């Protein structure tokens, strides 16, 4: 597991509001990323670590070169 460089994602259990209802935005963000990379091979280059000592990396889809942090 790595944190994506350049992405300020919601925490997995975070709940957000869209004006009328609550949205489990952390789970929605995880689901969106999984759909974006489904079946793809990724290449991640560590950039360092965060204040919790987790690896932060720039990751791209190998086939297309798409940067997942943008």
C-alpha atoms as a PDB file:
ATOM      1  CA  UNK A   1       0.000   0.000   0.000  1.00  0.00           C
ATOM      2  CA  UNK A   2       1.144   3.505  -0.807  1.00  0.00           C
ATOM      3  CA  UNK A   3      -0.297   6.990  -0.573  1.00  0.00           C
ATOM      4  CA  UNK A   4      -0.458   8.771  -3.904  1.00  0.00           C
ATOM      5  CA  UNK A   5       1.831  11.777  -4.301  1.00  0.00           C
ATOM      6  CA  UNK A   6      -0.201  14.907  -5.014  1.00  0.00           C
ATOM      7  CA  UNK A   7      -3.538  13.520  -3.800  1.00  0.00           C
ATOM      8  CA  UNK A   8      -5.345  14.730  -0.694  1.00  0.00           C
ATOM      9  CA  UNK A   9      -7.878  11.925  -0.476  1.00  0.00           C
ATOM     10  CA  UNK A  10     -10.531  11.548   2.198  1.00  0.00           C
ATOM     11  CA  UNK A  11      -9.970   9.049   4.984  1.00  0.00           C
ATOM     12  CA  UNK A  12     -11.613   5.691   4.293  1.00  0.00           C
ATOM     13  CA  UNK A  13     -14.300   6.152   6.958  1.00  0.00           C
ATOM     14  CA  UNK A  14     -14.868   9.857   6.197  1.00  0.00           C
ATOM     15  CA  UNK A  15     -18.409  11.038   5.539  1.00  0.00           C
ATOM     16  CA  UNK A  16     -19.068  14.126   3.403  1.00  0.00           C
ATOM     17  CA  UNK A  17     -22.218  16.077   2.561  1.00  0.00           C
ATOM     18  CA  UNK A  18     -23.354  16.947  -0.947  1.00  0.00           C
ATOM     19  CA  UNK A  19     -25.852  19.549   0.230  1.00  0.00           C
ATOM     20  CA  UNK A  20     -28.745  17.187   0.860  1.00  0.00           C
ATOM     21  CA  UNK A  21     -27.340  13.871   2.007  1.00  0.00           C
ATOM     22  CA  UNK A  22     -24.353  12.181   3.571  1.00  0.00           C
ATOM     23  CA  UNK A  23     -21.902  10.467   1.242  1.00  0.00           C
ATOM     24  CA  UNK A  24     -19.277   7.951   2.322  1.00  0.00           C
ATOM     25  CA  UNK A  25     -16.629   9.846   0.387  1.00  0.00           C
ATOM     26  CA  UNK A  26     -13.656   7.770   1.561  1.00  0.00           C
ATOM     27  CA  UNK A  27     -15.207   4.584   0.254  1.00  0.00           C
ATOM     28  CA  UNK A  28     -16.321   6.364  -2.931  1.00  0.00           C
ATOM     29  CA  UNK A  29     -12.740   7.566  -3.550  1.00  0.00           C
ATOM     30  CA  UNK A  30     -11.362   4.040  -3.042  1.00  0.00           C
ATOM     31  CA  UNK A  31     -13.970   2.575  -5.383  1.00  0.00           C
ATOM     32  CA  UNK A  32     -13.199   5.188  -8.074  1.00  0.00           C
ATOM     33  CA  UNK A  33      -9.462   4.454  -7.909  1.00  0.00           C
ATOM     34  CA  UNK A  34     -10.053   0.699  -8.097  1.00  0.00           C
ATOM     35  CA  UNK A  35     -12.225   1.177 -11.193  1.00  0.00           C
ATOM     36  CA  UNK A  36      -9.595   3.456 -12.772  1.00  0.00           C
ATOM     37  CA  UNK A  37      -6.812   0.866 -12.409  1.00  0.00           C
ATOM     38  CA  UNK A  38      -8.789  -2.370 -12.788  1.00  0.00           C
ATOM     39  CA  UNK A  39      -6.780  -4.877 -14.811  1.00  0.00           C
ATOM     40  CA  UNK A  40      -3.841  -2.487 -15.216  1.00  0.00           C
ATOM     41  CA  UNK A  41      -0.237  -2.864 -14.086  1.00  0.00           C
ATOM     42  CA  UNK A  42       1.084   0.066 -12.106  1.00  0.00           C
ATOM     43  CA  UNK A  43       4.533   1.529 -11.613  1.00  0.00           C
ATOM     44  CA  UNK A  44       5.154   3.434  -8.389  1.00  0.00           C
ATOM     45  CA  UNK A  45       8.257   5.425  -7.496  1.00  0.00           C
ATOM     46  CA  UNK A  46       8.583   6.326  -3.798  1.00  0.00           C
ATOM     47  CA  UNK A  47       8.955  10.061  -3.119  1.00  0.00           C
ATOM     48  CA  UNK A  48       9.310   9.783   0.640  1.00  0.00           C
ATOM     49  CA  UNK A  49       7.035   9.238   3.596  1.00  0.00           C
ATOM     50  CA  UNK A  50       4.342  11.190   5.384  1.00  0.00           C
ATOM     51  CA  UNK A  51       4.201  12.183   9.042  1.00  0.00           C
ATOM     52  CA  UNK A  52       2.738   8.753   9.879  1.00  0.00           C
ATOM     53  CA  UNK A  53       5.717   7.057   8.189  1.00  0.00           C
ATOM     54  CA  UNK A  54       3.627   5.764   5.268  1.00  0.00           C
ATOM     55  CA  UNK A  55       5.215   5.524   1.807  1.00  0.00           C
ATOM     56  CA  UNK A  56       4.178   8.335  -0.546  1.00  0.00           C
ATOM     57  CA  UNK A  57       4.768   7.532  -4.222  1.00  0.00           C
ATOM     58  CA  UNK A  58       4.128   8.767  -7.740  1.00  0.00           C
ATOM     59  CA  UNK A  59       2.184   6.020  -9.498  1.00  0.00           C
ATOM     60  CA  UNK A  60       1.344   5.565 -13.158  1.00  0.00           C
ATOM     61  CA  UNK A  61      -0.533   3.091 -15.267  1.00  0.00           C
ATOM     62  CA  UNK A  62       2.242   1.257 -17.138  1.00  0.00           C
ATOM     63  CA  UNK A  63       0.313   0.806 -20.392  1.00  0.00           C
ATOM     64  CA  UNK A  64      -0.694   4.458 -20.818  1.00  0.00           C
ATOM     65  CA  UNK A  65       1.677   6.394 -18.559  1.00  0.00           C
ATOM     66  CA  UNK A  66      -1.319   8.001 -16.839  1.00  0.00           C
ATOM     67  CA  UNK A  67      -0.261   9.620 -13.551  1.00  0.00           C
ATOM     68  CA  UNK A  68      -2.721   8.620 -10.841  1.00  0.00           C
ATOM     69  CA  UNK A  69      -1.891  11.708  -8.815  1.00  0.00           C
ATOM     70  CA  UNK A  70      -3.361  14.101 -11.351  1.00  0.00           C
END
